[in-house]
């Protein structure tokens, strides 16, 4: 009887481990951008027609949720190089949106969310490089938003162009 229990524990543990490993491999390709090499991020930032900053002192950020660093928005990618804070209790991914509304706080984003376009998910870290889907034209929007879905919190936002012209914003 004892060997049957040990065998069941062993086979169930093995099955769990294989399932978890396969799940992690499958999830890695599901549109969640992870850490990107510094040279790739730097190149994307340099090539981006829109270059702005997420600021730690953004009015909608808090001491727990904030981002501070350079953001580059182009037709193919959104790049970030800086620092970001999202509590460990939150989901380990955040979402990037584009909108044409000025986002100063959580309430602004919740009002804007039905019109905003979801670009993709990123894992909070010091840098990321996120591919912009082909059906999203960044010139139709003005603001990039970093949002934590799990806690419904604004991490940061920044306006990368004005709605009245096609000129990049001066930072």
N, C-alpha and C. Protein backbone atom coordinates (compact mmCIF):
# COMPACT_ATOMS: atom_id res chain seq x y z
N UNK A 1 0.81 -1.19 0.00
CA UNK A 1 0.00 0.00 0.00
C UNK A 1 0.86 1.26 0.00
N UNK A 2 1.95 1.23 0.79
CA UNK A 2 2.80 2.39 0.88
C UNK A 2 3.48 2.71 -0.44
N UNK A 3 3.94 1.71 -1.18
CA UNK A 3 4.61 1.94 -2.46
C UNK A 3 3.63 2.49 -3.50
N UNK A 4 2.36 2.11 -3.41
CA UNK A 4 1.34 2.63 -4.31
C UNK A 4 1.16 4.13 -4.06
N UNK A 5 1.14 4.56 -2.81
CA UNK A 5 0.99 5.97 -2.46
C UNK A 5 2.21 6.76 -2.91
N UNK A 6 3.40 6.21 -2.68
CA UNK A 6 4.62 6.89 -3.12
C UNK A 6 4.65 7.01 -4.64
N UNK A 7 4.24 5.97 -5.32
CA UNK A 7 4.22 6.00 -6.78
C UNK A 7 3.21 7.03 -7.28
N UNK A 8 2.04 7.10 -6.64
CA UNK A 8 1.02 8.08 -7.03
C UNK A 8 1.53 9.50 -6.82
N UNK A 9 2.20 9.75 -5.71
CA UNK A 9 2.76 11.08 -5.45
C UNK A 9 3.80 11.41 -6.50
N UNK A 10 4.67 10.47 -6.81
CA UNK A 10 5.72 10.68 -7.79
C UNK A 10 5.13 10.96 -9.18
N UNK A 11 4.19 10.14 -9.63
CA UNK A 11 3.62 10.34 -10.97
C UNK A 11 2.80 11.63 -11.04
N UNK A 12 2.07 11.93 -9.99
CA UNK A 12 1.28 13.17 -9.99
C UNK A 12 2.20 14.40 -9.96
N UNK A 13 3.27 14.34 -9.20
CA UNK A 13 4.23 15.44 -9.16
C UNK A 13 4.89 15.64 -10.51
N UNK A 14 5.25 14.54 -11.16
CA UNK A 14 5.85 14.62 -12.49
C UNK A 14 4.88 15.23 -13.48
N UNK A 15 3.63 14.80 -13.46
CA UNK A 15 2.61 15.35 -14.37
C UNK A 15 2.40 16.83 -14.12
N UNK A 16 2.36 17.23 -12.86
CA UNK A 16 2.18 18.64 -12.51
C UNK A 16 3.36 19.46 -13.01
N UNK A 17 4.57 18.96 -12.81
CA UNK A 17 5.76 19.67 -13.27
C UNK A 17 5.79 19.83 -14.78
N UNK A 18 5.46 18.77 -15.51
CA UNK A 18 5.43 18.85 -16.97
C UNK A 18 4.35 19.82 -17.44
N UNK A 19 3.19 19.77 -16.81
CA UNK A 19 2.10 20.68 -17.18
C UNK A 19 2.46 22.13 -16.92
N UNK A 20 3.07 22.39 -15.78
CA UNK A 20 3.48 23.75 -15.45
C UNK A 20 4.53 24.25 -16.43
N UNK A 21 5.51 23.42 -16.74
CA UNK A 21 6.55 23.81 -17.69
C UNK A 21 5.98 24.09 -19.07
N UNK A 22 5.09 23.23 -19.54
CA UNK A 22 4.46 23.44 -20.85
C UNK A 22 3.62 24.71 -20.84
N UNK A 23 2.91 24.95 -19.76
CA UNK A 23 2.10 26.16 -19.66
C UNK A 23 2.93 27.42 -19.71
N UNK A 24 4.07 27.42 -19.02
CA UNK A 24 4.95 28.58 -19.05
C UNK A 24 5.51 28.82 -20.45
N UNK A 25 5.86 27.76 -21.15
CA UNK A 25 6.36 27.91 -22.51
C UNK A 25 5.28 28.45 -23.44
N UNK A 26 4.06 27.97 -23.31
CA UNK A 26 2.97 28.44 -24.15
C UNK A 26 2.61 29.89 -23.84
N UNK A 27 2.62 30.27 -22.57
CA UNK A 27 2.27 31.63 -22.19
C UNK A 27 3.33 32.63 -22.61
N UNK A 28 4.55 32.19 -22.76
CA UNK A 28 5.63 33.10 -23.14
C UNK A 28 5.37 33.74 -24.48
N UNK A 29 4.63 33.11 -25.35
CA UNK A 29 4.36 33.67 -26.67
C UNK A 29 2.99 34.28 -26.80
N UNK A 30 2.33 34.63 -25.70
CA UNK A 30 0.96 35.12 -25.76
C UNK A 30 0.86 36.64 -25.68
N UNK A 31 1.76 37.37 -26.28
CA UNK A 31 1.64 38.81 -26.34
C UNK A 31 2.07 39.55 -25.08
N UNK A 32 2.85 38.94 -24.25
CA UNK A 32 3.37 39.61 -23.07
C UNK A 32 4.84 39.89 -23.32
N UNK A 33 5.17 41.17 -23.37
CA UNK A 33 6.56 41.55 -23.63
C UNK A 33 7.36 41.42 -22.35
N UNK A 34 8.50 40.80 -22.47
CA UNK A 34 9.40 40.67 -21.33
C UNK A 34 10.57 41.62 -21.48
N UNK A 35 11.58 41.38 -20.68
CA UNK A 35 12.77 42.22 -20.73
C UNK A 35 13.41 42.13 -22.10
N UNK A 36 13.82 43.26 -22.60
CA UNK A 36 14.49 43.31 -23.90
C UNK A 36 15.93 43.75 -23.69
N UNK A 37 16.84 43.29 -24.53
CA UNK A 37 18.23 43.73 -24.41
C UNK A 37 18.33 45.25 -24.54
N UNK A 38 19.22 45.85 -23.76
CA UNK A 38 19.39 47.31 -23.75
C UNK A 38 19.65 47.90 -25.12
N UNK A 39 20.44 47.23 -25.95
CA UNK A 39 20.75 47.77 -27.28
C UNK A 39 19.51 47.83 -28.15
N UNK A 40 18.64 46.81 -28.06
CA UNK A 40 17.40 46.83 -28.84
C UNK A 40 16.48 47.95 -28.38
N UNK A 41 16.34 48.11 -27.07
CA UNK A 41 15.48 49.17 -26.54
C UNK A 41 16.04 50.53 -26.92
N UNK A 42 17.34 50.72 -26.77
CA UNK A 42 17.97 51.99 -27.11
C UNK A 42 17.77 52.32 -28.59
N UNK A 43 17.92 51.31 -29.45
CA UNK A 43 17.69 51.52 -30.88
C UNK A 43 16.25 51.90 -31.18
N UNK A 44 15.30 51.25 -30.52
CA UNK A 44 13.88 51.56 -30.73
C UNK A 44 13.56 52.96 -30.22
N UNK A 45 14.15 53.35 -29.09
CA UNK A 45 13.93 54.69 -28.57
C UNK A 45 14.49 55.75 -29.52
N UNK A 46 15.67 55.51 -30.04
CA UNK A 46 16.31 56.46 -30.95
C UNK A 46 15.52 56.60 -32.25
N UNK A 47 15.00 55.49 -32.76
CA UNK A 47 14.28 55.50 -34.04
C UNK A 47 12.83 55.96 -33.92
N UNK A 48 12.28 56.03 -32.72
CA UNK A 48 10.86 56.35 -32.55
C UNK A 48 10.59 57.82 -32.89
N UNK A 49 9.55 58.07 -33.69
CA UNK A 49 9.21 59.47 -34.01
C UNK A 49 8.65 60.23 -32.81
N UNK A 50 8.10 59.50 -31.85
CA UNK A 50 7.56 60.13 -30.64
C UNK A 50 8.38 59.66 -29.44
N UNK A 51 9.03 60.60 -28.76
CA UNK A 51 9.87 60.28 -27.61
C UNK A 51 9.45 61.16 -26.44
N UNK A 52 8.98 60.53 -25.38
CA UNK A 52 8.49 61.24 -24.20
C UNK A 52 8.96 60.51 -22.94
N UNK A 53 8.43 60.89 -21.78
CA UNK A 53 8.81 60.27 -20.52
C UNK A 53 7.59 59.90 -19.69
N UNK A 54 7.65 58.73 -19.06
CA UNK A 54 6.77 58.45 -17.93
C UNK A 54 7.45 59.13 -16.75
N UNK A 55 6.68 59.80 -15.91
CA UNK A 55 7.25 60.51 -14.77
C UNK A 55 6.73 59.93 -13.46
N UNK A 56 7.63 59.73 -12.53
CA UNK A 56 7.26 59.17 -11.23
C UNK A 56 6.26 60.07 -10.50
N UNK A 57 6.35 61.38 -10.72
CA UNK A 57 5.46 62.32 -10.04
C UNK A 57 4.18 62.60 -10.84
N UNK A 58 3.82 61.72 -11.77
CA UNK A 58 2.57 61.87 -12.53
C UNK A 58 1.41 61.95 -11.53
N UNK A 59 0.45 62.85 -11.75
CA UNK A 59 -0.64 63.02 -10.77
C UNK A 59 -1.44 61.74 -10.51
N UNK A 60 -1.54 60.85 -11.49
CA UNK A 60 -2.30 59.62 -11.30
C UNK A 60 -1.52 58.47 -10.72
N UNK A 61 -0.22 58.63 -10.61
CA UNK A 61 0.62 57.59 -10.02
C UNK A 61 0.54 57.66 -8.50
N UNK A 62 0.99 56.61 -7.84
CA UNK A 62 1.02 56.60 -6.38
C UNK A 62 2.39 56.12 -5.92
N UNK A 63 2.57 56.02 -4.63
CA UNK A 63 3.87 55.54 -4.14
C UNK A 63 4.07 54.06 -4.44
N UNK A 64 2.98 53.34 -4.74
CA UNK A 64 3.08 51.91 -5.07
C UNK A 64 3.09 51.65 -6.57
N UNK A 65 2.41 52.48 -7.33
CA UNK A 65 2.28 52.30 -8.78
C UNK A 65 2.85 53.51 -9.49
N UNK A 66 3.97 53.33 -10.17
CA UNK A 66 4.57 54.43 -10.89
C UNK A 66 5.56 53.91 -11.92
N UNK A 67 5.87 54.75 -12.88
CA UNK A 67 6.91 54.47 -13.86
C UNK A 67 7.68 55.76 -14.08
N UNK A 68 8.98 55.64 -14.32
CA UNK A 68 9.83 56.79 -14.53
C UNK A 68 10.88 56.39 -15.56
N UNK A 69 10.80 57.00 -16.73
CA UNK A 69 11.79 56.67 -17.76
C UNK A 69 11.34 57.08 -19.15
N UNK A 70 12.22 56.85 -20.09
CA UNK A 70 11.98 57.23 -21.48
C UNK A 70 11.02 56.26 -22.17
N UNK A 71 10.15 56.82 -22.98
CA UNK A 71 9.19 56.05 -23.76
C UNK A 71 9.33 56.46 -25.22
N UNK A 72 9.40 55.48 -26.10
CA UNK A 72 9.42 55.74 -27.54
C UNK A 72 8.23 55.07 -28.19
N UNK A 73 7.46 55.82 -28.96
CA UNK A 73 6.28 55.29 -29.64
C UNK A 73 6.51 55.41 -31.14
N UNK A 74 6.44 54.28 -31.82
CA UNK A 74 6.57 54.27 -33.28
C UNK A 74 5.48 53.38 -33.85
N UNK A 75 5.41 53.30 -35.17
CA UNK A 75 4.36 52.50 -35.81
C UNK A 75 4.54 51.01 -35.58
N UNK A 76 5.71 50.58 -35.23
CA UNK A 76 5.95 49.15 -35.03
C UNK A 76 6.15 48.73 -33.59
N UNK A 77 6.59 49.69 -32.72
CA UNK A 77 6.95 49.29 -31.36
C UNK A 77 6.73 50.42 -30.36
N UNK A 78 6.56 50.01 -29.12
CA UNK A 78 6.61 50.94 -27.99
C UNK A 78 7.74 50.44 -27.11
N UNK A 79 8.68 51.33 -26.81
CA UNK A 79 9.85 50.96 -26.02
C UNK A 79 9.88 51.78 -24.74
N UNK A 80 10.42 51.19 -23.68
CA UNK A 80 10.56 51.87 -22.39
C UNK A 80 11.90 51.51 -21.80
N UNK A 81 12.58 52.53 -21.26
CA UNK A 81 13.82 52.32 -20.53
C UNK A 81 13.79 53.22 -19.31
N UNK A 82 13.72 52.63 -18.14
CA UNK A 82 13.64 53.40 -16.91
C UNK A 82 13.37 52.49 -15.74
N UNK A 83 12.52 52.96 -14.82
CA UNK A 83 12.16 52.16 -13.64
C UNK A 83 10.65 52.13 -13.51
N UNK A 84 10.14 51.05 -12.93
CA UNK A 84 8.71 50.87 -12.77
C UNK A 84 8.45 50.18 -11.44
N UNK A 85 7.35 50.57 -10.79
CA UNK A 85 6.97 49.94 -9.54
C UNK A 85 5.52 49.47 -9.61
N UNK A 86 5.34 48.19 -9.40
CA UNK A 86 4.02 47.58 -9.29
C UNK A 86 4.13 46.60 -8.12
N UNK A 87 3.21 46.67 -7.13
CA UNK A 87 3.32 45.80 -5.96
C UNK A 87 3.37 44.33 -6.32
N UNK A 88 4.09 43.57 -5.52
CA UNK A 88 4.22 42.13 -5.75
C UNK A 88 2.87 41.43 -5.67
N UNK A 89 1.91 42.01 -4.95
CA UNK A 89 0.59 41.39 -4.85
C UNK A 89 -0.20 41.52 -6.14
N UNK A 90 0.19 42.46 -6.99
CA UNK A 90 -0.50 42.66 -8.26
C UNK A 90 -0.07 41.58 -9.24
N UNK A 91 -0.87 41.40 -10.26
CA UNK A 91 -0.51 40.48 -11.33
C UNK A 91 0.84 40.90 -11.89
N UNK A 92 1.64 39.97 -12.30
CA UNK A 92 2.97 40.31 -12.80
C UNK A 92 2.95 40.77 -14.24
N UNK A 93 1.82 41.29 -14.71
CA UNK A 93 1.80 41.92 -16.02
C UNK A 93 0.92 43.16 -15.97
N UNK A 94 1.26 44.13 -16.77
CA UNK A 94 0.51 45.36 -16.89
C UNK A 94 0.17 45.53 -18.37
N UNK A 95 -0.76 46.43 -18.66
CA UNK A 95 -1.24 46.58 -20.02
C UNK A 95 -0.92 47.98 -20.54
N UNK A 96 -0.49 48.03 -21.79
CA UNK A 96 -0.24 49.29 -22.48
C UNK A 96 -1.46 49.60 -23.35
N UNK A 97 -1.97 50.81 -23.21
CA UNK A 97 -3.08 51.31 -24.04
C UNK A 97 -2.65 52.57 -24.76
N UNK A 98 -3.32 52.85 -25.87
CA UNK A 98 -3.22 54.14 -26.53
C UNK A 98 -4.60 54.77 -26.50
N UNK A 99 -4.64 56.07 -26.26
CA UNK A 99 -5.90 56.79 -26.23
C UNK A 99 -5.68 58.20 -26.77
N UNK A 100 -6.75 58.88 -27.09
CA UNK A 100 -6.67 60.27 -27.53
C UNK A 100 -7.08 61.23 -26.43
N UNK A 101 -7.34 60.72 -25.24
CA UNK A 101 -7.74 61.54 -24.11
C UNK A 101 -6.54 61.81 -23.22
N UNK A 102 -6.56 62.97 -22.57
CA UNK A 102 -5.53 63.27 -21.58
C UNK A 102 -5.86 62.48 -20.32
N UNK A 103 -4.90 61.73 -19.81
CA UNK A 103 -5.13 60.86 -18.65
C UNK A 103 -4.30 61.38 -17.48
N UNK A 104 -5.00 61.98 -16.50
CA UNK A 104 -4.31 62.52 -15.33
C UNK A 104 -4.46 61.62 -14.11
N UNK A 105 -5.47 60.71 -14.14
CA UNK A 105 -5.71 59.87 -12.97
C UNK A 105 -6.52 58.64 -13.35
N UNK A 106 -6.80 57.81 -12.38
CA UNK A 106 -7.52 56.55 -12.59
C UNK A 106 -8.90 56.80 -13.21
N UNK A 107 -9.64 57.78 -12.68
CA UNK A 107 -10.99 58.07 -13.18
C UNK A 107 -10.95 58.49 -14.65
N UNK A 108 -9.96 59.28 -15.05
CA UNK A 108 -9.82 59.67 -16.45
C UNK A 108 -9.67 58.44 -17.33
N UNK A 109 -8.81 57.49 -16.89
CA UNK A 109 -8.60 56.31 -17.72
C UNK A 109 -9.87 55.45 -17.79
N UNK A 110 -10.55 55.27 -16.68
CA UNK A 110 -11.77 54.45 -16.69
C UNK A 110 -12.82 55.05 -17.63
N UNK A 111 -12.90 56.39 -17.71
CA UNK A 111 -13.81 57.03 -18.67
C UNK A 111 -13.34 56.82 -20.11
N UNK A 112 -12.04 56.82 -20.30
CA UNK A 112 -11.46 56.71 -21.64
C UNK A 112 -11.33 55.27 -22.13
N UNK A 113 -11.33 54.32 -21.23
CA UNK A 113 -11.03 52.93 -21.58
C UNK A 113 -11.88 52.36 -22.72
N UNK A 114 -13.19 52.66 -22.80
CA UNK A 114 -13.97 52.11 -23.92
C UNK A 114 -13.47 52.57 -25.30
N UNK A 115 -12.84 53.73 -25.37
CA UNK A 115 -12.32 54.25 -26.64
C UNK A 115 -10.84 53.94 -26.84
N UNK A 116 -10.17 53.51 -25.79
CA UNK A 116 -8.74 53.24 -25.85
C UNK A 116 -8.47 51.94 -26.60
N UNK A 117 -7.29 51.84 -27.19
CA UNK A 117 -6.88 50.61 -27.87
C UNK A 117 -5.81 49.92 -27.04
N UNK A 118 -6.05 48.65 -26.76
CA UNK A 118 -5.08 47.83 -26.03
C UNK A 118 -3.98 47.43 -26.99
N UNK A 119 -2.73 47.77 -26.65
CA UNK A 119 -1.58 47.41 -27.48
C UNK A 119 -1.06 46.04 -27.09
N UNK A 120 -0.95 45.78 -25.79
CA UNK A 120 -0.45 44.51 -25.31
C UNK A 120 -0.05 44.57 -23.86
N UNK A 121 0.47 43.46 -23.38
CA UNK A 121 0.87 43.35 -21.98
C UNK A 121 2.39 43.34 -21.87
N UNK A 122 2.85 43.85 -20.74
CA UNK A 122 4.28 43.82 -20.43
C UNK A 122 4.44 43.32 -19.01
N UNK A 123 5.61 42.81 -18.72
CA UNK A 123 5.92 42.45 -17.33
C UNK A 123 6.67 43.64 -16.73
N UNK A 124 6.26 44.10 -15.55
CA UNK A 124 6.91 45.27 -14.95
C UNK A 124 8.40 45.03 -14.72
N UNK A 125 9.20 45.94 -15.25
CA UNK A 125 10.64 45.84 -15.12
C UNK A 125 11.27 47.15 -15.55
N UNK A 126 12.57 47.16 -15.73
CA UNK A 126 13.27 48.40 -16.05
C UNK A 126 13.23 48.75 -17.53
N UNK A 127 12.96 47.79 -18.39
CA UNK A 127 12.85 48.11 -19.83
C UNK A 127 11.99 47.06 -20.51
N UNK A 128 11.31 47.51 -21.57
CA UNK A 128 10.55 46.58 -22.40
C UNK A 128 10.48 47.09 -23.81
N UNK A 129 10.15 46.20 -24.71
CA UNK A 129 9.95 46.49 -26.11
C UNK A 129 8.70 45.72 -26.53
N UNK A 130 7.63 46.45 -26.87
CA UNK A 130 6.34 45.85 -27.17
C UNK A 130 5.98 46.12 -28.62
N UNK A 131 5.67 45.05 -29.35
CA UNK A 131 5.24 45.20 -30.74
C UNK A 131 3.84 45.80 -30.79
N UNK A 132 3.64 46.79 -31.66
CA UNK A 132 2.32 47.39 -31.87
C UNK A 132 1.62 46.59 -32.96
N UNK A 133 0.41 46.07 -32.70
CA UNK A 133 -0.31 45.31 -33.73
C UNK A 133 -0.49 46.13 -35.00
N UNK A 134 -0.51 45.45 -36.14
CA UNK A 134 -0.58 46.11 -37.45
C UNK A 134 -1.85 46.92 -37.63
N UNK A 135 -2.92 46.57 -36.93
CA UNK A 135 -4.18 47.30 -37.11
C UNK A 135 -4.30 48.54 -36.22
N UNK A 136 -3.24 48.90 -35.51
CA UNK A 136 -3.23 50.11 -34.68
C UNK A 136 -2.30 51.14 -35.31
N UNK A 137 -2.87 52.32 -35.62
CA UNK A 137 -2.09 53.43 -36.15
C UNK A 137 -1.81 54.40 -35.01
N UNK A 138 -0.57 54.48 -34.57
CA UNK A 138 -0.24 55.32 -33.41
C UNK A 138 -0.52 56.79 -33.68
N UNK A 139 -0.59 57.20 -34.95
CA UNK A 139 -0.89 58.59 -35.28
C UNK A 139 -2.35 58.95 -35.01
N UNK A 140 -3.20 57.97 -34.77
CA UNK A 140 -4.60 58.24 -34.44
C UNK A 140 -4.79 58.52 -32.95
N UNK A 141 -3.75 58.40 -32.17
CA UNK A 141 -3.82 58.56 -30.73
C UNK A 141 -2.84 59.62 -30.27
N UNK A 142 -2.94 60.01 -29.01
CA UNK A 142 -2.05 61.04 -28.48
C UNK A 142 -1.32 60.62 -27.21
N UNK A 143 -1.83 59.59 -26.54
CA UNK A 143 -1.35 59.28 -25.19
C UNK A 143 -1.11 57.79 -25.02
N UNK A 144 -0.01 57.44 -24.38
CA UNK A 144 0.28 56.06 -24.03
C UNK A 144 0.03 55.90 -22.53
N UNK A 145 -0.68 54.82 -22.17
CA UNK A 145 -1.09 54.58 -20.79
C UNK A 145 -0.56 53.24 -20.32
N UNK A 146 -0.05 53.20 -19.11
CA UNK A 146 0.42 51.97 -18.47
C UNK A 146 -0.54 51.68 -17.32
N UNK A 147 -1.25 50.54 -17.39
CA UNK A 147 -2.37 50.24 -16.51
C UNK A 147 -2.21 48.87 -15.88
N UNK A 148 -2.54 48.75 -14.59
CA UNK A 148 -2.55 47.47 -13.90
C UNK A 148 -3.99 46.97 -13.83
N UNK A 149 -4.31 45.94 -14.63
CA UNK A 149 -5.68 45.41 -14.64
C UNK A 149 -6.04 44.73 -13.33
N UNK A 150 -5.10 44.01 -12.76
CA UNK A 150 -5.43 43.23 -11.56
C UNK A 150 -5.88 44.12 -10.41
N UNK A 151 -5.33 45.32 -10.30
CA UNK A 151 -5.69 46.22 -9.22
C UNK A 151 -6.47 47.44 -9.70
N UNK A 152 -6.75 47.50 -11.01
CA UNK A 152 -7.48 48.63 -11.58
C UNK A 152 -6.80 49.95 -11.18
N UNK A 153 -5.49 50.01 -11.40
CA UNK A 153 -4.71 51.18 -11.02
C UNK A 153 -3.94 51.74 -12.21
N UNK A 154 -3.92 53.05 -12.30
CA UNK A 154 -3.08 53.72 -13.27
C UNK A 154 -1.64 53.68 -12.76
N UNK A 155 -0.74 53.22 -13.60
CA UNK A 155 0.67 53.24 -13.24
C UNK A 155 1.27 54.56 -13.72
N UNK A 156 1.03 54.90 -14.99
CA UNK A 156 1.48 56.18 -15.52
C UNK A 156 0.85 56.39 -16.89
N UNK A 157 0.95 57.61 -17.38
CA UNK A 157 0.56 57.93 -18.75
C UNK A 157 1.39 59.11 -19.21
N UNK A 158 1.50 59.26 -20.51
CA UNK A 158 2.21 60.42 -21.06
C UNK A 158 1.66 60.71 -22.44
N UNK A 159 1.53 61.99 -22.73
CA UNK A 159 1.05 62.43 -24.03
C UNK A 159 2.24 62.53 -24.98
N UNK A 160 2.19 61.79 -26.09
CA UNK A 160 3.32 61.79 -27.02
C UNK A 160 3.11 62.69 -28.22
N UNK A 161 1.91 63.17 -28.44
CA UNK A 161 1.64 64.15 -29.49
C UNK A 161 0.36 64.88 -29.14
N UNK A 162 0.15 66.04 -29.77
CA UNK A 162 -1.08 66.78 -29.52
C UNK A 162 -2.13 66.32 -30.53
N UNK A 163 -3.37 66.55 -30.21
CA UNK A 163 -4.46 66.18 -31.11
C UNK A 163 -4.59 67.16 -32.26
N UNK A 164 -3.94 68.33 -32.17
CA UNK A 164 -4.14 69.39 -33.15
C UNK A 164 -3.11 69.40 -34.25
N UNK A 165 -2.05 68.65 -34.10
CA UNK A 165 -1.06 68.59 -35.15
C UNK A 165 -0.36 67.25 -35.13
N UNK A 166 0.47 67.04 -36.09
CA UNK A 166 1.19 65.77 -36.19
C UNK A 166 2.62 65.87 -35.70
N UNK A 167 2.94 66.96 -35.02
CA UNK A 167 4.30 67.15 -34.52
C UNK A 167 4.50 66.41 -33.21
N UNK A 168 5.64 65.77 -33.01
CA UNK A 168 5.93 65.15 -31.73
C UNK A 168 5.96 66.18 -30.61
N UNK A 169 5.60 65.75 -29.41
CA UNK A 169 5.64 66.63 -28.24
C UNK A 169 7.08 66.87 -27.86
N UNK A 170 7.39 68.09 -27.44
CA UNK A 170 8.71 68.39 -26.88
C UNK A 170 8.69 67.96 -25.43
N UNK A 171 9.73 67.30 -24.99
CA UNK A 171 9.78 66.82 -23.60
C UNK A 171 10.56 67.73 -22.74
